Amino acid sequence: MSNLYEVGDIVEMKKKHPCGYNRWEIIRVGMDFRIKCTHCGRSVMIPRKKFEKNCKKKLEL
């Protein structure tokens, strides 16, 4: 898995969002990541360390 994340990348997280989907689009990168659920559109901000721990893989689309 690449440790280089960019805005617009689609990632699969270990835990699912309450809507039942686990694919997220990265919309902000820095000390914190803002990610948006690709199913329902809800966005959340999480610390970089937690993001990197919970990211399963970066998807190639």
PDB file of N, CA and C in Angstrom:
ATOM      1  N   MET A   1       0.845  -1.191   0.000  1.00  0.00           N
ATOM      2  CA  MET A   1       0.000   0.000   0.000  1.00  0.00           C
ATOM      3  C   MET A   1       0.877   1.236   0.000  1.00  0.00           C
ATOM      4  N   SER A   2       0.564   2.167  -0.838  1.00  0.00           N
ATOM      5  CA  SER A   2       1.325   3.405  -0.916  1.00  0.00           C
ATOM      6  C   SER A   2       0.956   4.330   0.237  1.00  0.00           C
ATOM      7  N   ASN A   3       1.951   4.973   0.807  1.00  0.00           N
ATOM      8  CA  ASN A   3       1.697   5.926   1.880  1.00  0.00           C
ATOM      9  C   ASN A   3       1.467   7.328   1.346  1.00  0.00           C
ATOM     10  N   LEU A   4       1.453   7.492   0.033  1.00  0.00           N
ATOM     11  CA  LEU A   4       1.225   8.793  -0.556  1.00  0.00           C
ATOM     12  C   LEU A   4      -0.237   8.924  -0.949  1.00  0.00           C
ATOM     13  N   TYR A   5      -0.940   9.761  -0.215  1.00  0.00           N
ATOM     14  CA  TYR A   5      -2.360   9.980  -0.480  1.00  0.00           C
ATOM     15  C   TYR A   5      -2.534  11.370  -1.047  1.00  0.00           C
ATOM     16  N   GLU A   6      -3.418  11.492  -2.026  1.00  0.00           N
ATOM     17  CA  GLU A   6      -3.676  12.773  -2.662  1.00  0.00           C
ATOM     18  C   GLU A   6      -5.170  13.049  -2.668  1.00  0.00           C
ATOM     19  N   VAL A   7      -5.513  14.307  -2.807  1.00  0.00           N
ATOM     20  CA  VAL A   7      -6.910  14.700  -2.918  1.00  0.00           C
ATOM     21  C   VAL A   7      -7.498  14.032  -4.154  1.00  0.00           C
ATOM     22  N   GLY A   8      -8.666  13.439  -4.002  1.00  0.00           N
ATOM     23  CA  GLY A   8      -9.329  12.766  -5.112  1.00  0.00           C
ATOM     24  C   GLY A   8      -9.141  11.264  -5.122  1.00  0.00           C
ATOM     25  N   ASP A   9      -8.205  10.748  -4.322  1.00  0.00           N
ATOM     26  CA  ASP A   9      -7.999   9.300  -4.247  1.00  0.00           C
ATOM     27  C   ASP A   9      -9.200   8.637  -3.568  1.00  0.00           C
ATOM     28  N   ILE A  10      -9.532   7.433  -3.993  1.00  0.00           N
ATOM     29  CA  ILE A  10     -10.588   6.634  -3.376  1.00  0.00           C
ATOM     30  C   ILE A  10      -9.901   5.553  -2.551  1.00  0.00           C
ATOM     31  N   VAL A  11     -10.281   5.443  -1.281  1.00  0.00           N
ATOM     32  CA  VAL A  11      -9.683   4.458  -0.389  1.00  0.00           C
ATOM     33  C   VAL A  11     -10.771   3.586   0.231  1.00  0.00           C
ATOM     34  N   GLU A  12     -10.371   2.386   0.627  1.00  0.00           N
ATOM     35  CA  GLU A  12     -11.271   1.471   1.321  1.00  0.00           C
ATOM     36  C   GLU A  12     -10.809   1.403   2.772  1.00  0.00           C
ATOM     37  N   MET A  13     -11.730   1.685   3.691  1.00  0.00           N
ATOM     38  CA  MET A  13     -11.404   1.684   5.114  1.00  0.00           C
ATOM     39  C   MET A  13     -11.793   0.345   5.735  1.00  0.00           C
ATOM     40  N   LYS A  14     -11.206   0.036   6.897  1.00  0.00           N
ATOM     41  CA  LYS A  14     -11.510  -1.219   7.591  1.00  0.00           C
ATOM     42  C   LYS A  14     -12.936  -1.230   8.115  1.00  0.00           C
ATOM     43  N   LYS A  15     -13.376  -0.123   8.704  1.00  0.00           N
ATOM     44  CA  LYS A  15     -14.731  -0.049   9.251  1.00  0.00           C
ATOM     45  C   LYS A  15     -15.668   0.578   8.237  1.00  0.00           C
ATOM     46  N   LYS A  16     -16.896   0.118   8.244  1.00  0.00           N
ATOM     47  CA  LYS A  16     -17.900   0.668   7.341  1.00  0.00           C
ATOM     48  C   LYS A  16     -18.545   1.902   7.965  1.00  0.00           C
ATOM     49  N   HIS A  17     -19.010   2.794   7.095  1.00  0.00           N
ATOM     50  CA  HIS A  17     -19.797   3.950   7.509  1.00  0.00           C
ATOM     51  C   HIS A  17     -21.177   3.439   7.919  1.00  0.00           C
ATOM     52  N   PRO A  18     -21.905   4.118   8.787  1.00  0.00           N
ATOM     53  CA  PRO A  18     -23.254   3.659   9.163  1.00  0.00           C
ATOM     54  C   PRO A  18     -24.190   3.410   7.987  1.00  0.00           C
ATOM     55  N   CYS A  19     -23.930   4.020   6.827  1.00  0.00           N
ATOM     56  CA  CYS A  19     -24.780   3.767   5.659  1.00  0.00           C
ATOM     57  C   CYS A  19     -24.482   2.402   5.034  1.00  0.00           C
ATOM     58  N   GLY A  20     -23.399   1.736   5.476  1.00  0.00           N
ATOM     59  CA  GLY A  20     -23.086   0.400   4.989  1.00  0.00           C
ATOM     60  C   GLY A  20     -22.003   0.337   3.934  1.00  0.00           C
ATOM     61  N   TYR A  21     -21.418   1.461   3.604  1.00  0.00           N
ATOM     62  CA  TYR A  21     -20.399   1.520   2.552  1.00  0.00           C
ATOM     63  C   TYR A  21     -19.040   1.779   3.183  1.00  0.00           C
ATOM     64  N   ASN A  22     -17.944   1.283   2.605  1.00  0.00           N
ATOM     65  CA  ASN A  22     -16.623   1.527   3.182  1.00  0.00           C
ATOM     66  C   ASN A  22     -15.638   2.136   2.188  1.00  0.00           C
ATOM     67  N   ARG A  23     -16.138   2.767   1.139  1.00  0.00           N
ATOM     68  CA  ARG A  23     -15.282   3.463   0.178  1.00  0.00           C
ATOM     69  C   ARG A  23     -15.419   4.967   0.398  1.00  0.00           C
ATOM     70  N   TRP A  24     -14.273   5.640   0.454  1.00  0.00           N
ATOM     71  CA  TRP A  24     -14.228   7.060   0.776  1.00  0.00           C
ATOM     72  C   TRP A  24     -13.356   7.799  -0.235  1.00  0.00           C
ATOM     73  N   GLU A  25     -13.700   9.042  -0.504  1.00  0.00           N
ATOM     74  CA  GLU A  25     -12.890   9.912  -1.346  1.00  0.00           C
ATOM     75  C   GLU A  25     -12.165  10.900  -0.447  1.00  0.00           C
ATOM     76  N   ILE A  26     -10.873  11.069  -0.664  1.00  0.00           N
ATOM     77  CA  ILE A  26     -10.091  12.024   0.122  1.00  0.00           C
ATOM     78  C   ILE A  26     -10.344  13.421  -0.444  1.00  0.00           C
ATOM     79  N   ILE A  27     -10.781  14.342   0.422  1.00  0.00           N
ATOM     80  CA  ILE A  27     -11.035  15.708  -0.042  1.00  0.00           C
ATOM     81  C   ILE A  27     -10.116  16.733   0.631  1.00  0.00           C
ATOM     82  N   ARG A  28      -9.316  16.315   1.643  1.00  0.00           N
ATOM     83  CA  ARG A  28      -8.329  17.195   2.261  1.00  0.00           C
ATOM     84  C   ARG A  28      -7.215  16.333   2.837  1.00  0.00           C
ATOM     85  N   VAL A  29      -5.965  16.761   2.626  1.00  0.00           N
ATOM     86  CA  VAL A  29      -4.804  16.045   3.141  1.00  0.00           C
ATOM     87  C   VAL A  29      -3.965  17.023   3.957  1.00  0.00           C
ATOM     88  N   GLY A  30      -3.460  16.562   5.088  1.00  0.00           N
ATOM     89  CA  GLY A  30      -2.607  17.379   5.948  1.00  0.00           C
ATOM     90  C   GLY A  30      -2.399  16.632   7.246  1.00  0.00           C
ATOM     91  N   MET A  31      -2.323  17.345   8.359  1.00  0.00           N
ATOM     92  CA  MET A  31      -2.241  16.687   9.662  1.00  0.00           C
ATOM     93  C   MET A  31      -3.528  15.919   9.934  1.00  0.00           C
ATOM     94  N   ASP A  32      -4.629  16.421   9.401  1.00  0.00           N
ATOM     95  CA  ASP A  32      -5.920  15.744   9.460  1.00  0.00           C
ATOM     96  C   ASP A  32      -6.363  15.444   8.032  1.00  0.00           C
ATOM     97  N   PHE A  33      -7.107  14.373   7.884  1.00  0.00           N
ATOM     98  CA  PHE A  33      -7.684  14.024   6.582  1.00  0.00           C
ATOM     99  C   PHE A  33      -9.178  14.292   6.644  1.00  0.00           C
ATOM    100  N   ARG A  34      -9.733  14.873   5.584  1.00  0.00           N
ATOM    101  CA  ARG A  34     -11.184  14.953   5.447  1.00  0.00           C
ATOM    102  C   ARG A  34     -11.535  13.982   4.344  1.00  0.00           C
ATOM    103  N   ILE A  35     -12.426  13.045   4.678  1.00  0.00           N
ATOM    104  CA  ILE A  35     -12.839  12.043   3.699  1.00  0.00           C
ATOM    105  C   ILE A  35     -14.351  12.079   3.562  1.00  0.00           C
ATOM    106  N   LYS A  36     -14.821  11.760   2.358  1.00  0.00           N
ATOM    107  CA  LYS A  36     -16.252  11.804   2.054  1.00  0.00           C
ATOM    108  C   LYS A  36     -16.710  10.426   1.617  1.00  0.00           C
ATOM    109  N   CYS A  37     -17.793   9.941   2.202  1.00  0.00           N
ATOM    110  CA  CYS A  37     -18.368   8.659   1.817  1.00  0.00           C
ATOM    111  C   CYS A  37     -18.849   8.760   0.374  1.00  0.00           C
ATOM    112  N   THR A  38     -18.451   7.790  -0.454  1.00  0.00           N
ATOM    113  CA  THR A  38     -18.830   7.841  -1.868  1.00  0.00           C
ATOM    114  C   THR A  38     -20.277   7.399  -2.089  1.00  0.00           C
ATOM    115  N   HIS A  39     -20.921   6.852  -1.063  1.00  0.00           N
ATOM    116  CA  HIS A  39     -22.303   6.394  -1.191  1.00  0.00           C
ATOM    117  C   HIS A  39     -23.295   7.481  -0.783  1.00  0.00           C
ATOM    118  N   CYS A  40     -23.139   8.014   0.446  1.00  0.00           N
ATOM    119  CA  CYS A  40     -24.123   8.975   0.954  1.00  0.00           C
ATOM    120  C   CYS A  40     -23.647  10.425   0.928  1.00  0.00           C
ATOM    121  N   GLY A  41     -22.329  10.648   0.734  1.00  0.00           N
ATOM    122  CA  GLY A  41     -21.821  12.012   0.631  1.00  0.00           C
ATOM    123  C   GLY A  41     -21.438  12.670   1.947  1.00  0.00           C
ATOM    124  N   ARG A  42     -21.608  11.977   3.060  1.00  0.00           N
ATOM    125  CA  ARG A  42     -21.243  12.537   4.364  1.00  0.00           C
ATOM    126  C   ARG A  42     -19.723  12.631   4.465  1.00  0.00           C
ATOM    127  N   SER A  43     -19.209  13.727   5.042  1.00  0.00           N
ATOM    128  CA  SER A  43     -17.760  13.851   5.184  1.00  0.00           C
ATOM    129  C   SER A  43     -17.388  13.898   6.665  1.00  0.00           C
ATOM    130  N   VAL A  44     -16.213  13.367   6.967  1.00  0.00           N
ATOM    131  CA  VAL A  44     -15.691  13.364   8.332  1.00  0.00           C
ATOM    132  C   VAL A  44     -14.220  13.762   8.280  1.00  0.00           C
ATOM    133  N   MET A  45     -13.741  14.326   9.386  1.00  0.00           N
ATOM    134  CA  MET A  45     -12.335  14.682   9.495  1.00  0.00           C
ATOM    135  C   MET A  45     -11.705  13.797  10.556  1.00  0.00           C
ATOM    136  N   ILE A  46     -10.588  13.159  10.214  1.00  0.00           N
ATOM    137  CA  ILE A  46      -9.913  12.282  11.164  1.00  0.00           C
ATOM    138  C   ILE A  46      -8.411  12.577  11.149  1.00  0.00           C
ATOM    139  N   PRO A  47      -7.740  12.368  12.285  1.00  0.00           N
ATOM    140  CA  PRO A  47      -6.291  12.595  12.334  1.00  0.00           C
ATOM    141  C   PRO A  47      -5.544  11.655  11.391  1.00  0.00           C
ATOM    142  N   ARG A  48      -4.399  12.099  10.899  1.00  0.00           N
ATOM    143  CA  ARG A  48      -3.595  11.323   9.947  1.00  0.00           C
ATOM    144  C   ARG A  48      -3.247   9.941  10.493  1.00  0.00           C
ATOM    145  N   LYS A  49      -2.833   9.869  11.746  1.00  0.00           N
ATOM    146  CA  LYS A  49      -2.415   8.590  12.341  1.00  0.00           C
ATOM    147  C   LYS A  49      -3.574   7.583  12.337  1.00  0.00           C
ATOM    148  N   LYS A  50      -4.771   8.043  12.702  1.00  0.00           N
ATOM    149  CA  LYS A  50      -5.939   7.162  12.716  1.00  0.00           C
ATOM    150  C   LYS A  50      -6.326   6.755  11.294  1.00  0.00           C
ATOM    151  N   PHE A  51      -6.224   7.698  10.341  1.00  0.00           N
ATOM    152  CA  PHE A  51      -6.530   7.392   8.943  1.00  0.00           C
ATOM    153  C   PHE A  51      -5.611   6.302   8.415  1.00  0.00           C
ATOM    154  N   GLU A  52      -4.290   6.472   8.631  1.00  0.00           N
ATOM    155  CA  GLU A  52      -3.326   5.505   8.110  1.00  0.00           C
ATOM    156  C   GLU A  52      -3.483   4.141   8.763  1.00  0.00           C
ATOM    157  N   LYS A  53      -3.901   4.108  10.013  1.00  0.00           N
ATOM    158  CA  LYS A  53      -4.126   2.841  10.717  1.00  0.00           C
ATOM    159  C   LYS A  53      -5.363   2.116  10.174  1.00  0.00           C
ATOM    160  N   ASN A  54      -6.419   2.877   9.868  1.00  0.00           N
ATOM    161  CA  ASN A  54      -7.694   2.285   9.477  1.00  0.00           C
ATOM    162  C   ASN A  54      -7.894   2.147   7.971  1.00  0.00           C
ATOM    163  N   CYS A  55      -6.957   2.631   7.175  1.00  0.00           N
ATOM    164  CA  CYS A  55      -7.076   2.512   5.715  1.00  0.00           C
ATOM    165  C   CYS A  55      -6.635   1.117   5.289  1.00  0.00           C
ATOM    166  N   LYS A  56      -7.524   0.416   4.611  1.00  0.00           N
ATOM    167  CA  LYS A  56      -7.222  -0.941   4.158  1.00  0.00           C
ATOM    168  C   LYS A  56      -6.406  -0.898   2.862  1.00  0.00           C
ATOM    169  N   LYS A  57      -6.885  -0.135   1.871  1.00  0.00           N
ATOM    170  CA  LYS A  57      -6.154  -0.043   0.610  1.00  0.00           C
ATOM    171  C   LYS A  57      -6.626   1.164  -0.190  1.00  0.00           C
ATOM    172  N   LYS A  58      -5.745   1.574  -1.090  1.00  0.00           N
ATOM    173  CA  LYS A  58      -6.054   2.641  -2.030  1.00  0.00           C
ATOM    174  C   LYS A  58      -6.560   1.974  -3.297  1.00  0.00           C
ATOM    175  N   LEU A  59      -7.714   2.377  -3.772  1.00  0.00           N
ATOM    176  CA  LEU A  59      -8.324   1.743  -4.934  1.00  0.00           C
ATOM    177  C   LEU A  59      -7.893   2.421  -6.225  1.00  0.00           C
ATOM    178  N   GLU A  60      -7.641   1.614  -7.224  1.00  0.00           N
ATOM    179  CA  GLU A  60      -7.278   2.110  -8.548  1.00  0.00           C
ATOM    180  C   GLU A  60      -8.545   2.152  -9.402  1.00  0.00           C
ATOM    181  N   LEU A  61      -8.950   3.346  -9.770  1.00  0.00           N
ATOM    182  CA  LEU A  61     -10.162   3.501 -10.584  1.00  0.00           C
ATOM    183  C   LEU A  61      -9.837   4.079 -11.938  1.00  0.00           C
TER     184      LEU A  61
END
